[in-house]
Amino acid sequence: MHVFHVRYRNTQGTLMRILNAVSRRGIDLPYVQAEPAEHKHRVTLLLDVNPKQIGQLYRDWHAVVDVVDVLERDDGSYRRLGRSAASACFGEHGRFCARRDGLDHFSASSV
């Protein structure tokens, strides 16, 4: 299970676009919490996803204009993937691979 924190500007339809990126892939949403966070808003999602789906979600979420930041928590540490590093790449024989360059690690206390 992965925990995602998506920070966004609360404009019309932004939360629905974030949630639609998950639901259109048929991924269960066992936990969703949306709340104001400082001057922005944050939605927390608990998802059971594989690395390919993580890359797809990052790409879709960063395509939403009002998404400010995406953090993924796995194994007790946070990972932030920037917009440029969230793009997908294709390896040999056209197979999908998630590009992981530019990945920063954060401890749970620094976020």
C-alpha atoms as a PDB file:
ATOM      1  CA  MET A   1       0.000   0.000   0.000  1.00  0.00           C
ATOM      2  CA  HIS A   2       1.180   3.482  -0.833  1.00  0.00           C
ATOM      3  CA  VAL A   3       0.068   6.753   0.738  1.00  0.00           C
ATOM      4  CA  PHE A   4      -0.080   9.745  -1.604  1.00  0.00           C
ATOM      5  CA  HIS A   5      -0.417  13.365  -0.499  1.00  0.00           C
ATOM      6  CA  VAL A   6      -1.489  15.614  -3.368  1.00  0.00           C
ATOM      7  CA  ARG A   7      -1.400  19.352  -2.648  1.00  0.00           C
ATOM      8  CA  TYR A   8      -3.489  21.520  -4.940  1.00  0.00           C
ATOM      9  CA  ARG A   9      -5.106  24.913  -5.354  1.00  0.00           C
ATOM     10  CA  ASN A  10      -8.810  24.546  -4.604  1.00  0.00           C
ATOM     11  CA  THR A  11     -10.320  25.573  -7.918  1.00  0.00           C
ATOM     12  CA  GLN A  12     -13.414  24.200  -9.564  1.00  0.00           C
ATOM     13  CA  GLY A  13     -13.050  20.511 -10.460  1.00  0.00           C
ATOM     14  CA  THR A  14      -9.443  20.015  -9.299  1.00  0.00           C
ATOM     15  CA  LEU A  15     -10.248  17.430  -6.625  1.00  0.00           C
ATOM     16  CA  MET A  16     -12.446  15.478  -9.048  1.00  0.00           C
ATOM     17  CA  ARG A  17      -9.669  15.423 -11.681  1.00  0.00           C
ATOM     18  CA  ILE A  18      -7.244  14.049  -9.061  1.00  0.00           C
ATOM     19  CA  LEU A  19      -9.703  11.326  -8.019  1.00  0.00           C
ATOM     20  CA  ASN A  20     -10.711  10.498 -11.610  1.00  0.00           C
ATOM     21  CA  ALA A  21      -7.080   9.688 -12.451  1.00  0.00           C
ATOM     22  CA  VAL A  22      -7.317   6.880  -9.877  1.00  0.00           C
ATOM     23  CA  SER A  23     -10.872   5.659 -10.482  1.00  0.00           C
ATOM     24  CA  ARG A  24     -10.614   5.371 -14.271  1.00  0.00           C
ATOM     25  CA  ARG A  25      -7.825   2.803 -13.773  1.00  0.00           C
ATOM     26  CA  GLY A  26     -10.106   0.666 -11.598  1.00  0.00           C
ATOM     27  CA  ILE A  27      -7.953   1.186  -8.494  1.00  0.00           C
ATOM     28  CA  ASP A  28      -9.778   0.866  -5.165  1.00  0.00           C
ATOM     29  CA  LEU A  29      -9.859   3.944  -2.929  1.00  0.00           C
ATOM     30  CA  PRO A  30      -9.936   2.463   0.607  1.00  0.00           C
ATOM     31  CA  TYR A  31      -9.011   5.811   2.191  1.00  0.00           C
ATOM     32  CA  VAL A  32      -9.492   9.369   0.927  1.00  0.00           C
ATOM     33  CA  GLN A  33      -9.258  12.526   3.028  1.00  0.00           C
ATOM     34  CA  ALA A  34      -9.363  16.068   1.645  1.00  0.00           C
ATOM     35  CA  GLU A  35      -8.556  19.024   3.877  1.00  0.00           C
ATOM     36  CA  PRO A  36      -7.225  22.575   3.765  1.00  0.00           C
ATOM     37  CA  ALA A  37      -3.458  22.754   4.278  1.00  0.00           C
ATOM     38  CA  GLU A  38      -2.025  26.236   4.818  1.00  0.00           C
ATOM     39  CA  HIS A  39      -2.906  28.323   1.730  1.00  0.00           C
ATOM     40  CA  LYS A  40      -3.544  25.257  -0.441  1.00  0.00           C
ATOM     41  CA  HIS A  41      -5.566  22.075  -0.009  1.00  0.00           C
ATOM     42  CA  ARG A  42      -4.399  18.481   0.344  1.00  0.00           C
ATOM     43  CA  VAL A  43      -5.952  15.140  -0.464  1.00  0.00           C
ATOM     44  CA  THR A  44      -4.510  11.990   1.095  1.00  0.00           C
ATOM     45  CA  LEU A  45      -5.043   8.702  -0.762  1.00  0.00           C
ATOM     46  CA  LEU A  46      -4.217   5.144   0.284  1.00  0.00           C
ATOM     47  CA  LEU A  47      -3.738   3.034  -2.845  1.00  0.00           C
ATOM     48  CA  ASP A  48      -2.510  -0.452  -3.697  1.00  0.00           C
ATOM     49  CA  VAL A  49      -0.599   0.232  -6.927  1.00  0.00           C
ATOM     50  CA  ASN A  50       2.340  -1.167  -8.873  1.00  0.00           C
ATOM     51  CA  PRO A  51       5.290   0.918 -10.201  1.00  0.00           C
ATOM     52  CA  LYS A  52       3.686   1.320 -13.640  1.00  0.00           C
ATOM     53  CA  GLN A  53       0.499   2.714 -12.097  1.00  0.00           C
ATOM     54  CA  ILE A  54       2.538   5.060  -9.876  1.00  0.00           C
ATOM     55  CA  GLY A  55       4.191   6.529 -12.971  1.00  0.00           C
ATOM     56  CA  GLN A  56       0.827   6.929 -14.704  1.00  0.00           C
ATOM     57  CA  LEU A  57      -0.735   8.631 -11.686  1.00  0.00           C
ATOM     58  CA  TYR A  58       2.171  11.044 -11.270  1.00  0.00           C
ATOM     59  CA  ARG A  59       1.968  11.940 -14.946  1.00  0.00           C
ATOM     60  CA  ASP A  60      -1.795  12.500 -14.775  1.00  0.00           C
ATOM     61  CA  TRP A  61      -1.687  14.452 -11.507  1.00  0.00           C
ATOM     62  CA  HIS A  62       1.085  16.749 -12.707  1.00  0.00           C
ATOM     63  CA  ALA A  63      -0.882  17.385 -15.902  1.00  0.00           C
ATOM     64  CA  VAL A  64      -3.596  19.024 -13.771  1.00  0.00           C
ATOM     65  CA  VAL A  65      -2.736  22.731 -13.745  1.00  0.00           C
ATOM     66  CA  ASP A  66      -3.719  23.330 -10.116  1.00  0.00           C
ATOM     67  CA  VAL A  67      -1.747  20.402  -8.630  1.00  0.00           C
ATOM     68  CA  VAL A  68       1.154  21.924  -6.704  1.00  0.00           C
ATOM     69  CA  ASP A  69       2.990  18.909  -5.311  1.00  0.00           C
ATOM     70  CA  VAL A  70       2.752  15.124  -4.974  1.00  0.00           C
ATOM     71  CA  LEU A  71       4.369  13.128  -2.159  1.00  0.00           C
ATOM     72  CA  GLU A  72       4.423   9.352  -1.907  1.00  0.00           C
ATOM     73  CA  ARG A  73       4.971   7.621   1.408  1.00  0.00           C
ATOM     74  CA  ASP A  74       6.279   4.088   1.366  1.00  0.00           C
ATOM     75  CA  ASP A  75       8.389   2.311   4.012  1.00  0.00           C
ATOM     76  CA  GLY A  76       8.232   5.247   6.430  1.00  0.00           C
ATOM     77  CA  SER A  77       9.848   7.859   4.175  1.00  0.00           C
ATOM     78  CA  TYR A  78       8.405  10.382   1.752  1.00  0.00           C
ATOM     79  CA  ARG A  79       9.410  10.661  -1.892  1.00  0.00           C
ATOM     80  CA  ARG A  80       8.713  13.743  -3.969  1.00  0.00           C
ATOM     81  CA  LEU A  81       8.733  13.441  -7.725  1.00  0.00           C
ATOM     82  CA  GLY A  82       8.931  16.706  -9.658  1.00  0.00           C
ATOM     83  CA  ARG A  83       7.070  17.537 -12.847  1.00  0.00           C
ATOM     84  CA  SER A  84      10.055  16.950 -15.145  1.00  0.00           C
ATOM     85  CA  ALA A  85      10.918  13.559 -13.657  1.00  0.00           C
ATOM     86  CA  ALA A  86       7.318  12.334 -13.686  1.00  0.00           C
ATOM     87  CA  SER A  87       7.295  11.789 -17.445  1.00  0.00           C
ATOM     88  CA  ALA A  88       7.084   8.252 -18.702  1.00  0.00           C
ATOM     89  CA  CYS A  89       9.656   6.553 -20.865  1.00  0.00           C
ATOM     90  CA  PHE A  90       9.567   3.449 -23.004  1.00  0.00           C
ATOM     91  CA  GLY A  91      12.267   0.819 -22.766  1.00  0.00           C
ATOM     92  CA  GLU A  92      13.205  -1.963 -25.147  1.00  0.00           C
ATOM     93  CA  HIS A  93      10.353  -3.446 -27.153  1.00  0.00           C
ATOM     94  CA  GLY A  94       8.049  -0.539 -26.209  1.00  0.00           C
ATOM     95  CA  ARG A  95       7.580  -1.612 -22.586  1.00  0.00           C
ATOM     96  CA  PHE A  96       6.693   1.094 -20.091  1.00  0.00           C
ATOM     97  CA  CYS A  97       9.124   2.087 -17.346  1.00  0.00           C
ATOM     98  CA  ALA A  98       8.779   4.856 -14.768  1.00  0.00           C
ATOM     99  CA  ARG A  99      11.622   7.358 -14.838  1.00  0.00           C
ATOM    100  CA  ARG A 100      13.011   7.743 -11.338  1.00  0.00           C
ATOM    101  CA  ASP A 101      15.687  10.401 -11.859  1.00  0.00           C
ATOM    102  CA  GLY A 102      15.301  13.539  -9.775  1.00  0.00           C
ATOM    103  CA  LEU A 103      13.792  11.610  -6.886  1.00  0.00           C
ATOM    104  CA  ASP A 104      14.291  13.183  -3.474  1.00  0.00           C
ATOM    105  CA  HIS A 105      13.934  11.324  -0.195  1.00  0.00           C
ATOM    106  CA  PHE A 106      12.404  12.941   2.889  1.00  0.00           C
ATOM    107  CA  SER A 107      12.079  11.606   6.382  1.00  0.00           C
ATOM    108  CA  ALA A 108       8.627  11.615   7.940  1.00  0.00           C
ATOM    109  CA  SER A 109       9.626  14.470  10.251  1.00  0.00           C
ATOM    110  CA  SER A 110      10.707  16.844   7.465  1.00  0.00           C
ATOM    111  CA  VAL A 111       7.339  17.000   5.714  1.00  0.00           C
END
